[in-house]
Amino acid sequence: MDITITITDTQNKCLEYVANSVTEWGENALTARAEIAQKEILDKLITHCNENNITIATGVDAQITQAYDLGVVKTAVQRASEALDRSAED
């Protein structure tokens, strides 16, 4: 997936101060955060499958999909929407 991010000239200058390559720094930040989220998702999936005697899918890509399909995890947008719905009910 290609992601395009627009920053100001000033923001670029600030990032050039701390990074040899602004693009490389951005790619590294996204990749590192995705790896953290992947571990969190897989931990939740393994726990859920073990507690419910569900066979875990084979391969990381399939396991991430399985976690969403089983409702073990939801996107941040879904969670925020549900939180808004709950607060509106209160």
N, C-alpha and C. Protein backbone atom coordinates (compact mmCIF):
# COMPACT_ATOMS: atom_id res chain seq x y z
N MET A 1 0.84 -1.16 0.00
CA MET A 1 0.00 0.00 0.00
C MET A 1 0.89 1.23 0.00
N ASP A 2 0.57 2.18 -0.84
CA ASP A 2 1.29 3.45 -0.85
C ASP A 2 0.52 4.45 -0.02
N ILE A 3 1.24 5.16 0.83
CA ILE A 3 0.65 6.20 1.67
C ILE A 3 1.37 7.49 1.36
N THR A 4 0.61 8.53 1.08
CA THR A 4 1.20 9.83 0.79
C THR A 4 0.88 10.77 1.94
N ILE A 5 1.89 11.43 2.45
CA ILE A 5 1.73 12.37 3.55
C ILE A 5 2.27 13.71 3.11
N THR A 6 1.52 14.75 3.37
CA THR A 6 1.94 16.10 3.02
C THR A 6 2.34 16.83 4.29
N ILE A 7 3.53 17.40 4.28
CA ILE A 7 3.99 18.21 5.40
C ILE A 7 4.43 19.56 4.85
N THR A 8 4.52 20.52 5.73
CA THR A 8 4.95 21.86 5.31
C THR A 8 6.46 21.88 5.11
N ASP A 9 6.93 22.92 4.46
CA ASP A 9 8.38 23.09 4.29
C ASP A 9 9.07 23.18 5.65
N THR A 10 8.44 23.86 6.58
CA THR A 10 9.01 24.00 7.91
C THR A 10 9.09 22.65 8.61
N GLN A 11 8.03 21.85 8.51
CA GLN A 11 8.05 20.52 9.11
C GLN A 11 9.15 19.67 8.48
N ASN A 12 9.31 19.76 7.17
CA ASN A 12 10.36 19.01 6.48
C ASN A 12 11.74 19.44 6.99
N LYS A 13 11.96 20.74 7.13
CA LYS A 13 13.25 21.24 7.63
C LYS A 13 13.50 20.71 9.04
N CYS A 14 12.46 20.68 9.86
CA CYS A 14 12.61 20.18 11.23
C CYS A 14 12.98 18.70 11.23
N LEU A 15 12.33 17.93 10.37
CA LEU A 15 12.65 16.51 10.29
C LEU A 15 14.04 16.27 9.71
N GLU A 16 14.45 17.11 8.77
CA GLU A 16 15.81 16.98 8.22
C GLU A 16 16.86 17.21 9.30
N TYR A 17 16.51 17.95 10.33
CA TYR A 17 17.41 18.20 11.44
C TYR A 17 17.68 16.92 12.23
N VAL A 18 16.68 16.02 12.30
CA VAL A 18 16.82 14.82 13.12
C VAL A 18 16.97 13.53 12.33
N ALA A 19 16.80 13.59 11.01
CA ALA A 19 16.84 12.36 10.22
C ALA A 19 17.65 12.56 8.95
N ASN A 20 18.41 11.53 8.58
CA ASN A 20 19.16 11.59 7.33
C ASN A 20 18.22 11.61 6.13
N SER A 21 17.11 10.90 6.24
CA SER A 21 16.12 10.85 5.17
C SER A 21 14.73 10.93 5.80
N VAL A 22 13.99 11.98 5.46
CA VAL A 22 12.66 12.15 6.02
C VAL A 22 11.76 11.00 5.59
N THR A 23 11.86 10.60 4.33
CA THR A 23 11.04 9.49 3.82
C THR A 23 11.36 8.20 4.56
N GLU A 24 12.64 7.90 4.71
CA GLU A 24 13.05 6.68 5.41
C GLU A 24 12.59 6.71 6.86
N TRP A 25 12.70 7.86 7.50
CA TRP A 25 12.26 7.99 8.88
C TRP A 25 10.76 7.72 8.99
N GLY A 26 9.98 8.29 8.07
CA GLY A 26 8.53 8.07 8.07
C GLY A 26 8.17 6.62 7.84
N GLU A 27 8.83 5.99 6.87
CA GLU A 27 8.57 4.57 6.60
C GLU A 27 8.91 3.72 7.82
N ASN A 28 10.02 4.04 8.48
CA ASN A 28 10.43 3.29 9.67
C ASN A 28 9.41 3.46 10.79
N ALA A 29 8.91 4.67 10.99
CA ALA A 29 7.93 4.92 12.04
C ALA A 29 6.66 4.12 11.80
N LEU A 30 6.16 4.11 10.56
CA LEU A 30 4.96 3.36 10.24
C LEU A 30 5.18 1.86 10.39
N THR A 31 6.29 1.38 9.90
CA THR A 31 6.60 -0.05 9.98
C THR A 31 6.74 -0.51 11.43
N ALA A 32 7.43 0.27 12.23
CA ALA A 32 7.63 -0.09 13.64
C ALA A 32 6.30 -0.13 14.38
N ARG A 33 5.41 0.85 14.11
CA ARG A 33 4.11 0.87 14.79
C ARG A 33 3.24 -0.29 14.34
N ALA A 34 3.33 -0.63 13.07
CA ALA A 34 2.56 -1.77 12.56
C ALA A 34 3.02 -3.06 13.22
N GLU A 35 4.31 -3.21 13.44
CA GLU A 35 4.84 -4.41 14.10
C GLU A 35 4.33 -4.52 15.54
N ILE A 36 4.24 -3.39 16.23
CA ILE A 36 3.72 -3.39 17.60
C ILE A 36 2.25 -3.81 17.59
N ALA A 37 1.48 -3.24 16.67
CA ALA A 37 0.06 -3.59 16.56
C ALA A 37 -0.11 -5.06 16.19
N GLN A 38 0.74 -5.56 15.30
CA GLN A 38 0.67 -6.97 14.90
C GLN A 38 0.84 -7.88 16.10
N LYS A 39 1.82 -7.59 16.94
CA LYS A 39 2.05 -8.41 18.13
C LYS A 39 0.83 -8.36 19.05
N GLU A 40 0.26 -7.17 19.24
CA GLU A 40 -0.92 -7.04 20.10
C GLU A 40 -2.09 -7.86 19.54
N ILE A 41 -2.31 -7.77 18.24
CA ILE A 41 -3.42 -8.50 17.60
C ILE A 41 -3.21 -10.01 17.73
N LEU A 42 -2.00 -10.46 17.44
CA LEU A 42 -1.72 -11.90 17.51
C LEU A 42 -1.86 -12.42 18.94
N ASP A 43 -1.41 -11.64 19.93
CA ASP A 43 -1.57 -12.04 21.32
C ASP A 43 -3.05 -12.21 21.67
N LYS A 44 -3.88 -11.25 21.24
CA LYS A 44 -5.32 -11.33 21.51
C LYS A 44 -5.94 -12.52 20.80
N LEU A 45 -5.54 -12.75 19.55
CA LEU A 45 -6.08 -13.87 18.79
C LEU A 45 -5.72 -15.20 19.44
N ILE A 46 -4.48 -15.39 19.81
CA ILE A 46 -4.04 -16.65 20.41
C ILE A 46 -4.80 -16.90 21.71
N THR A 47 -4.94 -15.88 22.52
CA THR A 47 -5.69 -16.03 23.77
C THR A 47 -7.13 -16.42 23.49
N HIS A 48 -7.76 -15.71 22.57
CA HIS A 48 -9.16 -15.99 22.22
C HIS A 48 -9.33 -17.41 21.68
N CYS A 49 -8.47 -17.80 20.76
CA CYS A 49 -8.59 -19.13 20.16
C CYS A 49 -8.34 -20.22 21.18
N ASN A 50 -7.37 -20.05 22.04
CA ASN A 50 -7.10 -21.04 23.07
C ASN A 50 -8.26 -21.16 24.06
N GLU A 51 -8.84 -20.03 24.44
CA GLU A 51 -9.96 -20.06 25.40
C GLU A 51 -11.22 -20.65 24.79
N ASN A 52 -11.35 -20.60 23.46
CA ASN A 52 -12.57 -21.05 22.80
C ASN A 52 -12.37 -22.27 21.90
N ASN A 53 -11.21 -22.93 22.03
CA ASN A 53 -10.89 -24.12 21.24
C ASN A 53 -11.09 -23.90 19.74
N ILE A 54 -10.58 -22.77 19.25
CA ILE A 54 -10.66 -22.42 17.83
C ILE A 54 -9.29 -22.64 17.22
N THR A 55 -9.26 -23.28 16.07
CA THR A 55 -8.01 -23.49 15.36
C THR A 55 -7.51 -22.15 14.83
N ILE A 56 -6.26 -21.86 15.10
CA ILE A 56 -5.65 -20.61 14.64
C ILE A 56 -5.25 -20.77 13.18
N ALA A 57 -5.53 -19.75 12.40
CA ALA A 57 -5.18 -19.76 10.98
C ALA A 57 -3.66 -19.87 10.82
N THR A 58 -3.25 -20.32 9.65
CA THR A 58 -1.82 -20.50 9.37
C THR A 58 -1.26 -19.26 8.67
N GLY A 59 -0.20 -18.71 9.23
CA GLY A 59 0.47 -17.55 8.65
C GLY A 59 -0.05 -16.25 9.25
N VAL A 60 0.84 -15.29 9.37
CA VAL A 60 0.52 -14.02 10.03
C VAL A 60 -0.60 -13.29 9.30
N ASP A 61 -0.55 -13.20 7.98
CA ASP A 61 -1.60 -12.49 7.24
C ASP A 61 -2.96 -13.11 7.52
N ALA A 62 -3.05 -14.42 7.48
CA ALA A 62 -4.31 -15.11 7.75
C ALA A 62 -4.74 -14.93 9.21
N GLN A 63 -3.80 -14.88 10.11
CA GLN A 63 -4.13 -14.72 11.53
C GLN A 63 -4.67 -13.32 11.81
N ILE A 64 -4.09 -12.31 11.19
CA ILE A 64 -4.60 -10.95 11.37
C ILE A 64 -6.03 -10.86 10.83
N THR A 65 -6.26 -11.44 9.65
CA THR A 65 -7.61 -11.47 9.08
C THR A 65 -8.56 -12.21 9.99
N GLN A 66 -8.12 -13.34 10.54
CA GLN A 66 -8.96 -14.14 11.43
C GLN A 66 -9.34 -13.32 12.67
N ALA A 67 -8.41 -12.57 13.21
CA ALA A 67 -8.69 -11.77 14.39
C ALA A 67 -9.82 -10.77 14.12
N TYR A 68 -9.78 -10.15 12.95
CA TYR A 68 -10.86 -9.23 12.57
C TYR A 68 -12.16 -9.98 12.31
N ASP A 69 -12.07 -11.08 11.58
CA ASP A 69 -13.27 -11.86 11.25
C ASP A 69 -13.99 -12.38 12.48
N LEU A 70 -13.23 -12.77 13.50
CA LEU A 70 -13.82 -13.28 14.74
C LEU A 70 -14.28 -12.17 15.68
N GLY A 71 -13.95 -10.93 15.33
CA GLY A 71 -14.31 -9.81 16.20
C GLY A 71 -13.42 -9.67 17.41
N VAL A 72 -12.28 -10.34 17.37
CA VAL A 72 -11.31 -10.25 18.47
C VAL A 72 -10.74 -8.83 18.53
N VAL A 73 -10.54 -8.24 17.37
CA VAL A 73 -10.07 -6.86 17.28
C VAL A 73 -10.95 -6.10 16.30
N LYS A 74 -10.97 -4.79 16.48
CA LYS A 74 -11.71 -3.89 15.60
C LYS A 74 -10.78 -2.75 15.24
N THR A 75 -11.10 -2.05 14.15
CA THR A 75 -10.29 -0.90 13.77
C THR A 75 -10.47 0.22 14.80
N ALA A 76 -9.54 1.15 14.82
CA ALA A 76 -9.65 2.29 15.72
C ALA A 76 -10.91 3.10 15.41
N VAL A 77 -11.27 3.20 14.15
CA VAL A 77 -12.49 3.93 13.76
C VAL A 77 -13.71 3.24 14.34
N GLN A 78 -13.76 1.91 14.24
CA GLN A 78 -14.90 1.17 14.80
C GLN A 78 -14.98 1.36 16.31
N ARG A 79 -13.84 1.27 16.99
CA ARG A 79 -13.84 1.42 18.45
C ARG A 79 -14.28 2.82 18.86
N ALA A 80 -13.83 3.83 18.14
CA ALA A 80 -14.21 5.22 18.46
C ALA A 80 -15.71 5.42 18.23
N SER A 81 -16.22 4.87 17.15
CA SER A 81 -17.64 4.99 16.85
C SER A 81 -18.49 4.32 17.93
N GLU A 82 -18.07 3.14 18.36
CA GLU A 82 -18.79 2.43 19.41
C GLU A 82 -18.74 3.20 20.73
N ALA A 83 -17.61 3.84 21.02
CA ALA A 83 -17.48 4.62 22.23
C ALA A 83 -18.43 5.84 22.18
N LEU A 84 -18.53 6.46 21.01
CA LEU A 84 -19.46 7.58 20.86
C LEU A 84 -20.89 7.12 21.04
N ASP A 85 -21.23 5.97 20.46
CA ASP A 85 -22.56 5.43 20.61
C ASP A 85 -22.90 5.17 22.08
N ARG A 86 -21.93 4.59 22.80
CA ARG A 86 -22.15 4.29 24.22
C ARG A 86 -22.33 5.58 25.03
N SER A 87 -21.52 6.60 24.72
CA SER A 87 -21.63 7.85 25.48
C SER A 87 -22.94 8.57 25.16
N ALA A 88 -23.45 8.38 23.96
CA ALA A 88 -24.73 9.00 23.60
C ALA A 88 -25.89 8.32 24.33
N GLU A 89 -25.72 7.04 24.65
CA GLU A 89 -26.74 6.30 25.37
C GLU A 89 -26.81 6.68 26.83
N ASP A 90 -25.68 7.17 27.37
CA ASP A 90 -25.61 7.50 28.81
C ASP A 90 -26.32 8.77 29.14
